[in-house]
Amino acid sequence: MDDTKQDEMLQLLRSLHDEVQGLRKRVDMLEANQPKRVISEELVCILSSTIAAYLGVKPRIRQIRLVSSESWAHQGRATIQASHALKR
C-alpha cells in the first residue's frame, strides 16, 4: 500500500478506537446508574398467594431469586424440543 492509503487506514482506525472508547464510557455510565432490582413486599404477597392457590397449602418462602428471561427461553425451548418424537 502506498503511504496515503496507510495514513487513511491509520486515521480510520484511530477514529474507530475513539468511538469505541466513547461508547464504552457511555455503557459504563448507564450500567452504574441502573437501579438495583428490588422485590417489593406486595410482589412477595402476590407470589405467596399464587403458590398457595396452586398447591392448596400456604408456602413458606425462604428466598426469591430474579432469573433473566434468557434462562426461561432456553428452558422453554428445551421442553418443547424434548416433547417432539424424532422419526428416523
PDB file of N, CA and C in Angstrom:
ATOM      1  N   MET A   1       0.842  -1.183   0.000  1.00  0.00           N
ATOM      2  CA  MET A   1       0.000   0.000   0.000  1.00  0.00           C
ATOM      3  C   MET A   1       0.882   1.239   0.000  1.00  0.00           C
ATOM      4  N   ASP A   2       0.393   2.265  -0.615  1.00  0.00           N
ATOM      5  CA  ASP A   2       1.171   3.497  -0.594  1.00  0.00           C
ATOM      6  C   ASP A   2       0.922   4.237   0.724  1.00  0.00           C
ATOM      7  N   ASP A   3       1.736   5.242   0.969  1.00  0.00           N
ATOM      8  CA  ASP A   3       1.689   5.963   2.243  1.00  0.00           C
ATOM      9  C   ASP A   3       0.350   6.651   2.476  1.00  0.00           C
ATOM     10  N   THR A   4      -0.279   7.126   1.428  1.00  0.00           N
ATOM     11  CA  THR A   4      -1.561   7.815   1.567  1.00  0.00           C
ATOM     12  C   THR A   4      -2.629   6.861   2.080  1.00  0.00           C
ATOM     13  N   LYS A   5      -2.672   5.670   1.511  1.00  0.00           N
ATOM     14  CA  LYS A   5      -3.657   4.664   1.940  1.00  0.00           C
ATOM     15  C   LYS A   5      -3.402   4.259   3.387  1.00  0.00           C
ATOM     16  N   GLN A   6      -2.127   4.074   3.737  1.00  0.00           N
ATOM     17  CA  GLN A   6      -1.794   3.695   5.108  1.00  0.00           C
ATOM     18  C   GLN A   6      -2.206   4.780   6.090  1.00  0.00           C
ATOM     19  N   ASP A   7      -1.974   6.028   5.741  1.00  0.00           N
ATOM     20  CA  ASP A   7      -2.362   7.136   6.611  1.00  0.00           C
ATOM     21  C   ASP A   7      -3.880   7.199   6.781  1.00  0.00           C
ATOM     22  N   GLU A   8      -4.613   6.963   5.691  1.00  0.00           N
ATOM     23  CA  GLU A   8      -6.077   6.958   5.762  1.00  0.00           C
ATOM     24  C   GLU A   8      -6.569   5.827   6.663  1.00  0.00           C
ATOM     25  N   MET A   9      -5.971   4.652   6.493  1.00  0.00           N
ATOM     26  CA  MET A   9      -6.357   3.498   7.317  1.00  0.00           C
ATOM     27  C   MET A   9      -6.040   3.757   8.785  1.00  0.00           C
ATOM     28  N   LEU A  10      -4.876   4.331   9.044  1.00  0.00           N
ATOM     29  CA  LEU A  10      -4.481   4.621  10.417  1.00  0.00           C
ATOM     30  C   LEU A  10      -5.433   5.639  11.040  1.00  0.00           C
ATOM     31  N   GLN A  11      -5.797   6.654  10.288  1.00  0.00           N
ATOM     32  CA  GLN A  11      -6.732   7.665  10.783  1.00  0.00           C
ATOM     33  C   GLN A  11      -8.104   7.042  11.047  1.00  0.00           C
ATOM     34  N   LEU A  12      -8.542   6.175  10.148  1.00  0.00           N
ATOM     35  CA  LEU A  12      -9.824   5.498  10.325  1.00  0.00           C
ATOM     36  C   LEU A  12      -9.800   4.622  11.575  1.00  0.00           C
ATOM     37  N   LEU A  13      -8.727   3.880  11.767  1.00  0.00           N
ATOM     38  CA  LEU A  13      -8.607   3.036  12.958  1.00  0.00           C
ATOM     39  C   LEU A  13      -8.607   3.873  14.229  1.00  0.00           C
ATOM     40  N   ARG A  14      -7.928   4.993  14.209  1.00  0.00           N
ATOM     41  CA  ARG A  14      -7.909   5.869  15.390  1.00  0.00           C
ATOM     42  C   ARG A  14      -9.304   6.416  15.689  1.00  0.00           C
ATOM     43  N   SER A  15     -10.018   6.816  14.646  1.00  0.00           N
ATOM     44  CA  SER A  15     -11.366   7.349  14.880  1.00  0.00           C
ATOM     45  C   SER A  15     -12.298   6.254  15.403  1.00  0.00           C
ATOM     46  N   LEU A  16     -12.161   5.035  14.880  1.00  0.00           N
ATOM     47  CA  LEU A  16     -12.965   3.917  15.387  1.00  0.00           C
ATOM     48  C   LEU A  16     -12.613   3.610  16.835  1.00  0.00           C
ATOM     49  N   HIS A  17     -11.338   3.654  17.148  1.00  0.00           N
ATOM     50  CA  HIS A  17     -10.897   3.412  18.522  1.00  0.00           C
ATOM     51  C   HIS A  17     -11.494   4.456  19.458  1.00  0.00           C
ATOM     52  N   ASP A  18     -11.452   5.721  19.058  1.00  0.00           N
ATOM     53  CA  ASP A  18     -12.016   6.792  19.881  1.00  0.00           C
ATOM     54  C   ASP A  18     -13.521   6.617  20.061  1.00  0.00           C
ATOM     55  N   GLU A  19     -14.197   6.206  18.997  1.00  0.00           N
ATOM     56  CA  GLU A  19     -15.642   5.997  19.081  1.00  0.00           C
ATOM     57  C   GLU A  19     -15.976   4.847  20.025  1.00  0.00           C
ATOM     58  N   VAL A  20     -15.213   3.767  19.948  1.00  0.00           N
ATOM     59  CA  VAL A  20     -15.439   2.624  20.839  1.00  0.00           C
ATOM     60  C   VAL A  20     -15.182   3.039  22.285  1.00  0.00           C
ATOM     61  N   GLN A  21     -14.140   3.810  22.523  1.00  0.00           N
ATOM     62  CA  GLN A  21     -13.848   4.279  23.881  1.00  0.00           C
ATOM     63  C   GLN A  21     -15.007   5.125  24.409  1.00  0.00           C
ATOM     64  N   GLY A  22     -15.540   6.010  23.562  1.00  0.00           N
ATOM     65  CA  GLY A  22     -16.676   6.832  23.976  1.00  0.00           C
ATOM     66  C   GLY A  22     -17.898   5.994  24.292  1.00  0.00           C
ATOM     67  N   LEU A  23     -18.160   4.998  23.463  1.00  0.00           N
ATOM     68  CA  LEU A  23     -19.300   4.107  23.708  1.00  0.00           C
ATOM     69  C   LEU A  23     -19.101   3.292  24.980  1.00  0.00           C
ATOM     70  N   ARG A  24     -17.891   2.851  25.220  1.00  0.00           N
ATOM     71  CA  ARG A  24     -17.589   2.090  26.432  1.00  0.00           C
ATOM     72  C   ARG A  24     -17.857   2.945  27.671  1.00  0.00           C
ATOM     73  N   LYS A  25     -17.468   4.222  27.618  1.00  0.00           N
ATOM     74  CA  LYS A  25     -17.723   5.124  28.748  1.00  0.00           C
ATOM     75  C   LYS A  25     -19.223   5.310  28.964  1.00  0.00           C
ATOM     76  N   ARG A  26     -19.973   5.436  27.863  1.00  0.00           N
ATOM     77  CA  ARG A  26     -21.423   5.594  27.986  1.00  0.00           C
ATOM     78  C   ARG A  26     -22.068   4.355  28.596  1.00  0.00           C
ATOM     79  N   VAL A  27     -21.632   3.178  28.170  1.00  0.00           N
ATOM     80  CA  VAL A  27     -22.181   1.932  28.716  1.00  0.00           C
ATOM     81  C   VAL A  27     -21.865   1.829  30.202  1.00  0.00           C
ATOM     82  N   ASP A  28     -20.628   2.129  30.577  1.00  0.00           N
ATOM     83  CA  ASP A  28     -20.253   2.078  31.991  1.00  0.00           C
ATOM     84  C   ASP A  28     -21.101   3.035  32.819  1.00  0.00           C
ATOM     85  N   MET A  29     -21.338   4.232  32.289  1.00  0.00           N
ATOM     86  CA  MET A  29     -22.139   5.217  32.999  1.00  0.00           C
ATOM     87  C   MET A  29     -23.588   4.745  33.130  1.00  0.00           C
ATOM     88  N   LEU A  30     -24.146   4.171  32.062  1.00  0.00           N
ATOM     89  CA  LEU A  30     -25.519   3.678  32.115  1.00  0.00           C
ATOM     90  C   LEU A  30     -25.658   2.502  33.075  1.00  0.00           C
ATOM     91  N   GLU A  31     -24.690   1.607  33.070  1.00  0.00           N
ATOM     92  CA  GLU A  31     -24.742   0.467  33.983  1.00  0.00           C
ATOM     93  C   GLU A  31     -24.631   0.917  35.428  1.00  0.00           C
ATOM     94  N   ALA A  32     -23.828   1.939  35.692  1.00  0.00           N
ATOM     95  CA  ALA A  32     -23.670   2.440  37.056  1.00  0.00           C
ATOM     96  C   ALA A  32     -24.945   3.116  37.550  1.00  0.00           C
ATOM     97  N   ASN A  33     -25.725   3.696  36.639  1.00  0.00           N
ATOM     98  CA  ASN A  33     -26.934   4.422  37.023  1.00  0.00           C
ATOM     99  C   ASN A  33     -28.172   3.545  37.107  1.00  0.00           C
ATOM    100  N   GLN A  34     -28.067   2.275  36.739  1.00  0.00           N
ATOM    101  CA  GLN A  34     -29.243   1.410  36.783  1.00  0.00           C
ATOM    102  C   GLN A  34     -29.604   1.111  38.232  1.00  0.00           C
ATOM    103  N   PRO A  35     -30.899   1.211  38.549  1.00  0.00           N
ATOM    104  CA  PRO A  35     -31.316   0.922  39.921  1.00  0.00           C
ATOM    105  C   PRO A  35     -31.219  -0.574  40.214  1.00  0.00           C
ATOM    106  N   LYS A  36     -30.993  -0.881  41.468  1.00  0.00           N
ATOM    107  CA  LYS A  36     -30.969  -2.279  41.895  1.00  0.00           C
ATOM    108  C   LYS A  36     -32.378  -2.841  41.774  1.00  0.00           C
ATOM    109  N   ARG A  37     -32.469  -4.082  41.354  1.00  0.00           N
ATOM    110  CA  ARG A  37     -33.779  -4.719  41.223  1.00  0.00           C
ATOM    111  C   ARG A  37     -34.190  -5.234  42.593  1.00  0.00           C
ATOM    112  N   VAL A  38     -35.227  -4.629  43.134  1.00  0.00           N
ATOM    113  CA  VAL A  38     -35.704  -4.976  44.468  1.00  0.00           C
ATOM    114  C   VAL A  38     -37.088  -5.600  44.339  1.00  0.00           C
ATOM    115  N   ILE A  39     -37.311  -6.637  45.113  1.00  0.00           N
ATOM    116  CA  ILE A  39     -38.617  -7.292  45.118  1.00  0.00           C
ATOM    117  C   ILE A  39     -39.439  -6.664  46.237  1.00  0.00           C
ATOM    118  N   SER A  40     -40.570  -6.082  45.883  1.00  0.00           N
ATOM    119  CA  SER A  40     -41.410  -5.402  46.868  1.00  0.00           C
ATOM    120  C   SER A  40     -42.175  -6.418  47.715  1.00  0.00           C
ATOM    121  N   GLU A  41     -42.652  -5.937  48.862  1.00  0.00           N
ATOM    122  CA  GLU A  41     -43.458  -6.791  49.730  1.00  0.00           C
ATOM    123  C   GLU A  41     -44.741  -7.220  49.030  1.00  0.00           C
ATOM    124  N   GLU A  42     -45.275  -6.309  48.239  1.00  0.00           N
ATOM    125  CA  GLU A  42     -46.505  -6.603  47.504  1.00  0.00           C
ATOM    126  C   GLU A  42     -46.300  -7.781  46.547  1.00  0.00           C
ATOM    127  N   LEU A  43     -45.166  -7.792  45.866  1.00  0.00           N
ATOM    128  CA  LEU A  43     -44.875  -8.882  44.941  1.00  0.00           C
ATOM    129  C   LEU A  43     -44.699 -10.205  45.687  1.00  0.00           C
ATOM    130  N   VAL A  44     -44.062 -10.165  46.859  1.00  0.00           N
ATOM    131  CA  VAL A  44     -43.898 -11.381  47.660  1.00  0.00           C
ATOM    132  C   VAL A  44     -45.265 -11.917  48.078  1.00  0.00           C
ATOM    133  N   CYS A  45     -46.178 -11.026  48.462  1.00  0.00           N
ATOM    134  CA  CYS A  45     -47.534 -11.449  48.837  1.00  0.00           C
ATOM    135  C   CYS A  45     -48.270 -12.066  47.647  1.00  0.00           C
ATOM    136  N   ILE A  46     -48.114 -11.448  46.486  1.00  0.00           N
ATOM    137  CA  ILE A  46     -48.760 -11.973  45.279  1.00  0.00           C
ATOM    138  C   ILE A  46     -48.216 -13.357  44.943  1.00  0.00           C
ATOM    139  N   LEU A  47     -46.895 -13.508  44.995  1.00  0.00           N
ATOM    140  CA  LEU A  47     -46.290 -14.817  44.716  1.00  0.00           C
ATOM    141  C   LEU A  47     -46.755 -15.857  45.724  1.00  0.00           C
ATOM    142  N   SER A  48     -46.778 -15.479  46.992  1.00  0.00           N
ATOM    143  CA  SER A  48     -47.195 -16.402  48.041  1.00  0.00           C
ATOM    144  C   SER A  48     -48.634 -16.855  47.847  1.00  0.00           C
ATOM    145  N   SER A  49     -49.533 -15.915  47.550  1.00  0.00           N
ATOM    146  CA  SER A  49     -50.938 -16.292  47.370  1.00  0.00           C
ATOM    147  C   SER A  49     -51.141 -17.120  46.104  1.00  0.00           C
ATOM    148  N   THR A  50     -50.369 -16.839  45.065  1.00  0.00           N
ATOM    149  CA  THR A  50     -50.463 -17.628  43.835  1.00  0.00           C
ATOM    150  C   THR A  50     -50.018 -19.063  44.083  1.00  0.00           C
ATOM    151  N   ILE A  51     -48.909 -19.222  44.794  1.00  0.00           N
ATOM    152  CA  ILE A  51     -48.408 -20.566  45.112  1.00  0.00           C
ATOM    153  C   ILE A  51     -49.393 -21.290  46.016  1.00  0.00           C
ATOM    154  N   ALA A  52     -49.962 -20.574  46.990  1.00  0.00           N
ATOM    155  CA  ALA A  52     -50.940 -21.189  47.893  1.00  0.00           C
ATOM    156  C   ALA A  52     -52.167 -21.664  47.127  1.00  0.00           C
ATOM    157  N   ALA A  53     -52.626 -20.864  46.177  1.00  0.00           N
ATOM    158  CA  ALA A  53     -53.793 -21.265  45.383  1.00  0.00           C
ATOM    159  C   ALA A  53     -53.479 -22.483  44.531  1.00  0.00           C
ATOM    160  N   TYR A  54     -52.275 -22.555  44.005  1.00  0.00           N
ATOM    161  CA  TYR A  54     -51.896 -23.676  43.141  1.00  0.00           C
ATOM    162  C   TYR A  54     -51.677 -24.956  43.946  1.00  0.00           C
ATOM    163  N   LEU A  55     -50.958 -24.853  45.067  1.00  0.00           N
ATOM    164  CA  LEU A  55     -50.622 -26.041  45.852  1.00  0.00           C
ATOM    165  C   LEU A  55     -51.701 -26.426  46.856  1.00  0.00           C
ATOM    166  N   GLY A  56     -52.506 -25.459  47.270  1.00  0.00           N
ATOM    167  CA  GLY A  56     -53.532 -25.746  48.263  1.00  0.00           C
ATOM    168  C   GLY A  56     -53.037 -25.630  49.688  1.00  0.00           C
ATOM    169  N   VAL A  57     -51.802 -25.250  49.887  1.00  0.00           N
ATOM    170  CA  VAL A  57     -51.240 -25.031  51.226  1.00  0.00           C
ATOM    171  C   VAL A  57     -50.464 -23.716  51.214  1.00  0.00           C
ATOM    172  N   LYS A  58     -50.340 -23.118  52.403  1.00  0.00           N
ATOM    173  CA  LYS A  58     -49.607 -21.857  52.490  1.00  0.00           C
ATOM    174  C   LYS A  58     -48.104 -22.145  52.421  1.00  0.00           C
ATOM    175  N   PRO A  59     -47.429 -21.575  51.446  1.00  0.00           N
ATOM    176  CA  PRO A  59     -45.996 -21.852  51.316  1.00  0.00           C
ATOM    177  C   PRO A  59     -45.167 -20.992  52.267  1.00  0.00           C
ATOM    178  N   ARG A  60     -44.004 -21.487  52.581  1.00  0.00           N
ATOM    179  CA  ARG A  60     -43.039 -20.705  53.360  1.00  0.00           C
ATOM    180  C   ARG A  60     -41.933 -20.293  52.390  1.00  0.00           C
ATOM    181  N   ILE A  61     -41.949 -19.051  51.983  1.00  0.00           N
ATOM    182  CA  ILE A  61     -40.973 -18.560  51.014  1.00  0.00           C
ATOM    183  C   ILE A  61     -39.710 -18.164  51.757  1.00  0.00           C
ATOM    184  N   ARG A  62     -38.619 -18.822  51.427  1.00  0.00           N
ATOM    185  CA  ARG A  62     -37.338 -18.535  52.073  1.00  0.00           C
ATOM    186  C   ARG A  62     -36.464 -17.629  51.229  1.00  0.00           C
ATOM    187  N   GLN A  63     -36.576 -17.768  49.925  1.00  0.00           N
ATOM    188  CA  GLN A  63     -35.703 -16.999  49.048  1.00  0.00           C
ATOM    189  C   GLN A  63     -36.379 -16.816  47.697  1.00  0.00           C
ATOM    190  N   ILE A  64     -36.191 -15.634  47.131  1.00  0.00           N
ATOM    191  CA  ILE A  64     -36.665 -15.357  45.780  1.00  0.00           C
ATOM    192  C   ILE A  64     -35.473 -14.847  44.994  1.00  0.00           C
ATOM    193  N   ARG A  65     -35.199 -15.486  43.865  1.00  0.00           N
ATOM    194  CA  ARG A  65     -34.091 -15.054  43.004  1.00  0.00           C
ATOM    195  C   ARG A  65     -34.663 -14.573  41.687  1.00  0.00           C
ATOM    196  N   LEU A  66     -34.130 -13.466  41.210  1.00  0.00           N
ATOM    197  CA  LEU A  66     -34.524 -12.971  39.897  1.00  0.00           C
ATOM    198  C   LEU A  66     -33.706 -13.696  38.843  1.00  0.00           C
ATOM    199  N   VAL A  67     -34.389 -14.259  37.872  1.00  0.00           N
ATOM    200  CA  VAL A  67     -33.730 -15.001  36.805  1.00  0.00           C
ATOM    201  C   VAL A  67     -33.958 -14.246  35.505  1.00  0.00           C
ATOM    202  N   SER A  68     -32.913 -14.152  34.711  1.00  0.00           N
ATOM    203  CA  SER A  68     -33.069 -13.444  33.446  1.00  0.00           C
ATOM    204  C   SER A  68     -34.015 -14.205  32.527  1.00  0.00           C
ATOM    205  N   SER A  69     -34.650 -13.484  31.645  1.00  0.00           N
ATOM    206  CA  SER A  69     -35.614 -14.108  30.741  1.00  0.00           C
ATOM    207  C   SER A  69     -34.943 -15.089  29.786  1.00  0.00           C
ATOM    208  N   GLU A  70     -33.651 -14.934  29.584  1.00  0.00           N
ATOM    209  CA  GLU A  70     -32.933 -15.830  28.685  1.00  0.00           C
ATOM    210  C   GLU A  70     -32.979 -17.273  29.197  1.00  0.00           C
ATOM    211  N   SER A  71     -32.864 -17.449  30.510  1.00  0.00           N
ATOM    212  CA  SER A  71     -32.920 -18.795  31.080  1.00  0.00           C
ATOM    213  C   SER A  71     -34.276 -19.434  30.833  1.00  0.00           C
ATOM    214  N   TRP A  72     -35.328 -18.640  30.998  1.00  0.00           N
ATOM    215  CA  TRP A  72     -36.667 -19.156  30.756  1.00  0.00           C
ATOM    216  C   TRP A  72     -36.825 -19.553  29.297  1.00  0.00           C
ATOM    217  N   ALA A  73     -36.280 -18.763  28.410  1.00  0.00           N
ATOM    218  CA  ALA A  73     -36.386 -19.061  26.981  1.00  0.00           C
ATOM    219  C   ALA A  73     -35.670 -20.362  26.647  1.00  0.00           C
ATOM    220  N   HIS A  74     -34.473 -20.549  27.197  1.00  0.00           N
ATOM    221  CA  HIS A  74     -33.719 -21.783  26.943  1.00  0.00           C
ATOM    222  C   HIS A  74     -34.487 -22.997  27.469  1.00  0.00           C
ATOM    223  N   GLN A  75     -35.021 -22.878  28.683  1.00  0.00           N
ATOM    224  CA  GLN A  75     -35.749 -23.994  29.274  1.00  0.00           C
ATOM    225  C   GLN A  75     -37.007 -24.302  28.477  1.00  0.00           C
ATOM    226  N   GLY A  76     -37.700 -23.276  28.035  1.00  0.00           N
ATOM    227  CA  GLY A  76     -38.908 -23.484  27.237  1.00  0.00           C
ATOM    228  C   GLY A  76     -38.609 -24.188  25.930  1.00  0.00           C
ATOM    229  N   ARG A  77     -37.536 -23.762  25.263  1.00  0.00           N
ATOM    230  CA  ARG A  77     -37.157 -24.424  24.008  1.00  0.00           C
ATOM    231  C   ARG A  77     -36.759 -25.874  24.254  1.00  0.00           C
ATOM    232  N   ALA A  78     -36.027 -26.120  25.332  1.00  0.00           N
ATOM    233  CA  ALA A  78     -35.607 -27.493  25.635  1.00  0.00           C
ATOM    234  C   ALA A  78     -36.821 -28.379  25.896  1.00  0.00           C
ATOM    235  N   THR A  79     -37.804 -27.857  26.615  1.00  0.00           N
ATOM    236  CA  THR A  79     -39.015 -28.629  26.905  1.00  0.00           C
ATOM    237  C   THR A  79     -39.780 -28.952  25.630  1.00  0.00           C
ATOM    238  N   ILE A  80     -39.925 -27.967  24.771  1.00  0.00           N
ATOM    239  CA  ILE A  80     -40.651 -28.182  23.517  1.00  0.00           C
ATOM    240  C   ILE A  80     -39.917 -29.180  22.631  1.00  0.00           C
ATOM    241  N   GLN A  81     -38.607 -29.038  22.528  1.00  0.00           N
ATOM    242  CA  GLN A  81     -37.835 -29.950  21.688  1.00  0.00           C
ATOM    243  C   GLN A  81     -37.864 -31.370  22.233  1.00  0.00           C
ATOM    244  N   ALA A  82     -37.853 -31.506  23.554  1.00  0.00           N
ATOM    245  CA  ALA A  82     -37.876 -32.837  24.158  1.00  0.00           C
ATOM    246  C   ALA A  82     -39.233 -33.512  23.983  1.00  0.00           C
ATOM    247  N   SER A  83     -40.287 -32.724  23.810  1.00  0.00           N
ATOM    248  CA  SER A  83     -41.623 -33.308  23.695  1.00  0.00           C
ATOM    249  C   SER A  83     -41.909 -33.854  22.299  1.00  0.00           C
ATOM    250  N   HIS A  84     -41.092 -33.527  21.336  1.00  0.00           N
ATOM    251  CA  HIS A  84     -41.305 -33.994  19.969  1.00  0.00           C
ATOM    252  C   HIS A  84     -40.525 -35.281  19.717  1.00  0.00           C
ATOM    253  N   ALA A  85     -41.225 -36.278  19.230  1.00  0.00           N
ATOM    254  CA  ALA A  85     -40.569 -37.543  18.903  1.00  0.00           C
ATOM    255  C   ALA A  85     -39.932 -37.418  17.521  1.00  0.00           C
ATOM    256  N   LEU A  86     -38.684 -37.763  17.439  1.00  0.00           N
ATOM    257  CA  LEU A  86     -37.982 -37.699  16.162  1.00  0.00           C
ATOM    258  C   LEU A  86     -38.144 -39.012  15.411  1.00  0.00           C
ATOM    259  N   LYS A  87     -38.498 -38.931  14.133  1.00  0.00           N
ATOM    260  CA  LYS A  87     -38.629 -40.128  13.304  1.00  0.00           C
ATOM    261  C   LYS A  87     -37.365 -40.284  12.491  1.00  0.00           C
ATOM    262  N   ARG A  88     -36.881 -41.495  12.425  1.00  0.00           N
ATOM    263  CA  ARG A  88     -35.651 -41.747  11.659  1.00  0.00           C
ATOM    264  C   ARG A  88     -35.919 -42.624  10.487  1.00  0.00           C
TER     265      ARG A  88
END
